[in-house]
Amino acid sequence: MPLDLAEFNSAFSRARDKVRGEEDVDVAAVQAELRALVPADASEHDRTWTKTLIDRLAEPPPPPRQWSALYHEAGEVAGSAYHANGTVDEQIAAIEQARRKIWEIADRADEDEESDIRAMTRVLEHLENELRDPTWPLADPPENADKTD
């Protein structure tokens, strides 16, 4: 009988949340429950990857990433641009300026944070594009498309 992927994945997600979110969890018991979901005749591939996941439940999760002051500075710049007020042109100008500043901050950042900081400009780029060429409201809504004047 093949491994029921949906059942295993759902059970694993619940087990991971339980192990990481509750105190005094019997990890060995949780692992045994998951192992019972892997049929004896499962493929070698399925037995290998499920075993790896199940075994990792006993490992403590990695500590949360510690971001530098530059990362937080870039986040503040991005947040302030996202909430810029004024005319469309003023909002676009604020976003453009923020994107330039974020790139300057990324240039000063360590290599391991540089791309994460630059990624903050993507949401701003999408917002800027939407301001330049809005898709809503539709210029000619579908319900009015067949009407003639």
Protein backbone atom coordinates (compact mmCIF):
# COMPACT_ATOMS: atom_id res chain seq x y z
CA MET A 1 0.00 0.00 0.00
CA PRO A 2 1.53 3.35 -0.95
CA LEU A 3 2.06 6.16 1.50
CA ASP A 4 -0.94 8.48 1.81
CA LEU A 5 0.91 11.75 1.23
CA ALA A 6 -1.94 14.03 2.25
CA GLU A 7 -2.54 12.14 5.48
CA PHE A 8 1.16 12.05 6.37
CA ASN A 9 1.76 15.71 5.53
CA SER A 10 -1.24 16.83 7.58
CA ALA A 11 -0.22 14.65 10.52
CA PHE A 12 3.37 15.86 10.29
CA SER A 13 2.31 19.51 10.25
CA ARG A 14 0.16 18.98 13.34
CA ALA A 15 2.99 17.07 15.05
CA ARG A 16 5.57 19.76 14.26
CA ASP A 17 3.25 22.48 15.60
CA LYS A 18 2.65 20.43 18.74
CA VAL A 19 6.35 19.73 19.34
CA ARG A 20 7.35 23.36 18.76
CA GLY A 21 4.39 24.97 20.47
CA GLU A 22 3.66 22.94 23.57
CA GLU A 23 5.71 22.20 26.66
CA ASP A 24 6.35 18.70 27.99
CA VAL A 25 5.55 16.94 24.71
CA ASP A 26 6.63 13.32 24.46
CA VAL A 27 8.50 13.70 21.17
CA ALA A 28 9.23 9.97 20.95
CA ALA A 29 5.49 9.22 21.14
CA VAL A 30 4.70 11.80 18.48
CA GLN A 31 7.41 10.31 16.26
CA ALA A 32 6.00 6.80 16.81
CA GLU A 33 2.54 7.97 15.71
CA LEU A 34 4.03 9.37 12.51
CA ARG A 35 6.08 6.24 11.84
CA ALA A 36 2.86 4.22 12.10
CA LEU A 37 1.51 6.17 9.11
CA VAL A 38 4.31 4.89 6.86
CA PRO A 39 3.29 1.50 5.47
CA ALA A 40 5.83 -1.31 5.66
CA ASP A 41 5.71 -1.69 1.90
CA ALA A 42 6.18 2.04 1.17
CA SER A 43 8.80 2.85 -1.42
CA GLU A 44 12.41 3.31 -0.35
CA HIS A 45 12.10 6.97 -1.35
CA ASP A 46 9.02 7.50 0.85
CA ARG A 47 10.58 5.68 3.79
CA THR A 48 13.73 7.82 3.50
CA TRP A 49 12.14 11.26 3.36
CA THR A 50 9.51 10.49 6.01
CA LYS A 51 12.20 9.11 8.34
CA THR A 52 14.25 12.28 7.85
CA LEU A 53 11.29 14.51 8.72
CA ILE A 54 10.25 12.39 11.68
CA ASP A 55 13.81 12.27 13.07
CA ARG A 56 14.15 16.06 12.75
CA LEU A 57 11.21 16.58 15.10
CA ALA A 58 13.59 15.79 17.97
CA GLU A 59 15.98 18.57 16.93
CA PRO A 60 15.42 21.98 18.47
CA PRO A 61 14.36 24.59 15.93
CA PRO A 62 17.01 27.07 14.89
CA PRO A 63 16.98 30.36 16.77
CA PRO A 64 15.16 33.21 15.08
CA ARG A 65 17.35 35.16 12.72
CA GLN A 66 18.88 38.27 14.21
CA TRP A 67 18.65 41.11 11.73
CA SER A 68 21.09 44.00 11.72
CA ALA A 69 20.28 47.64 12.35
CA LEU A 70 20.61 48.21 8.59
CA TYR A 71 17.88 45.67 7.89
CA HIS A 72 15.56 47.38 10.37
CA GLU A 73 16.43 50.78 8.94
CA ALA A 74 15.49 49.57 5.47
CA GLY A 75 12.24 48.17 6.84
CA GLU A 76 11.36 51.54 8.33
CA VAL A 77 12.09 53.26 5.01
CA ALA A 78 9.92 50.75 3.16
CA GLY A 79 7.09 51.10 5.67
CA SER A 80 7.06 54.86 5.51
CA ALA A 81 6.98 54.82 1.70
CA TYR A 82 4.17 52.27 1.70
CA HIS A 83 2.07 54.64 3.80
CA ALA A 84 3.00 57.81 1.89
CA ASN A 85 0.17 60.28 1.41
CA GLY A 86 -0.40 63.00 -1.12
CA THR A 87 -1.12 63.07 -4.81
CA VAL A 88 -0.30 60.10 -6.98
CA ASP A 89 2.82 61.91 -8.20
CA GLU A 90 3.89 62.62 -4.61
CA GLN A 91 3.33 58.99 -3.62
CA ILE A 92 5.35 57.79 -6.63
CA ALA A 93 8.16 60.20 -5.75
CA ALA A 94 8.19 58.94 -2.15
CA ILE A 95 8.34 55.34 -3.33
CA GLU A 96 11.13 56.06 -5.83
CA GLN A 97 13.13 57.82 -3.12
CA ALA A 98 12.57 54.96 -0.68
CA ARG A 99 13.64 52.37 -3.23
CA ARG A 100 16.88 54.28 -3.89
CA LYS A 101 17.54 54.62 -0.15
CA ILE A 102 16.89 50.91 0.44
CA TRP A 103 19.38 50.01 -2.30
CA GLU A 104 21.93 52.34 -0.69
CA ILE A 105 21.36 50.62 2.65
CA ALA A 106 21.74 47.21 1.00
CA ASP A 107 25.07 48.34 -0.47
CA ARG A 108 26.33 48.89 3.10
CA ALA A 109 24.91 45.64 4.47
CA ASP A 110 26.67 42.34 5.01
CA GLU A 111 26.48 39.89 2.13
CA ASP A 112 24.06 37.60 3.98
CA GLU A 113 21.50 40.41 4.39
CA GLU A 114 22.03 42.36 1.20
CA SER A 115 19.53 40.44 -0.95
CA ASP A 116 16.92 40.38 1.83
CA ILE A 117 17.13 44.16 2.11
CA ARG A 118 16.94 44.64 -1.67
CA ALA A 119 13.87 42.39 -1.72
CA MET A 120 12.02 45.02 0.30
CA THR A 121 11.89 47.14 -2.84
CA ARG A 122 9.79 44.58 -4.72
CA VAL A 123 6.54 45.41 -2.93
CA LEU A 124 7.27 49.09 -3.41
CA GLU A 125 7.92 48.50 -7.10
CA HIS A 126 4.56 46.77 -7.46
CA LEU A 127 2.85 49.60 -5.59
CA GLU A 128 4.56 52.16 -7.81
CA ASN A 129 3.51 50.28 -10.95
CA GLU A 130 -0.07 50.18 -9.71
CA LEU A 131 -0.01 53.93 -9.07
CA ARG A 132 1.39 54.58 -12.54
CA ASP A 133 -1.01 52.22 -14.32
CA PRO A 134 -3.94 51.37 -12.06
CA THR A 135 -5.86 48.22 -12.81
CA TRP A 136 -8.73 49.27 -10.55
CA PRO A 137 -11.27 50.62 -11.09
CA LEU A 138 -11.51 49.11 -14.51
CA ALA A 139 -11.67 51.71 -17.26
CA ASP A 140 -14.50 49.83 -18.94
CA PRO A 141 -16.18 47.42 -16.54
CA PRO A 142 -17.45 44.23 -18.17
CA GLU A 143 -21.08 45.05 -17.39
CA ASN A 144 -20.75 48.23 -19.47
CA ALA A 145 -18.71 46.75 -22.30
CA ASP A 146 -21.71 46.07 -24.55
CA LYS A 147 -23.42 49.40 -23.96
CA THR A 148 -23.15 52.11 -26.57
CA ASP A 149 -23.85 55.80 -26.19
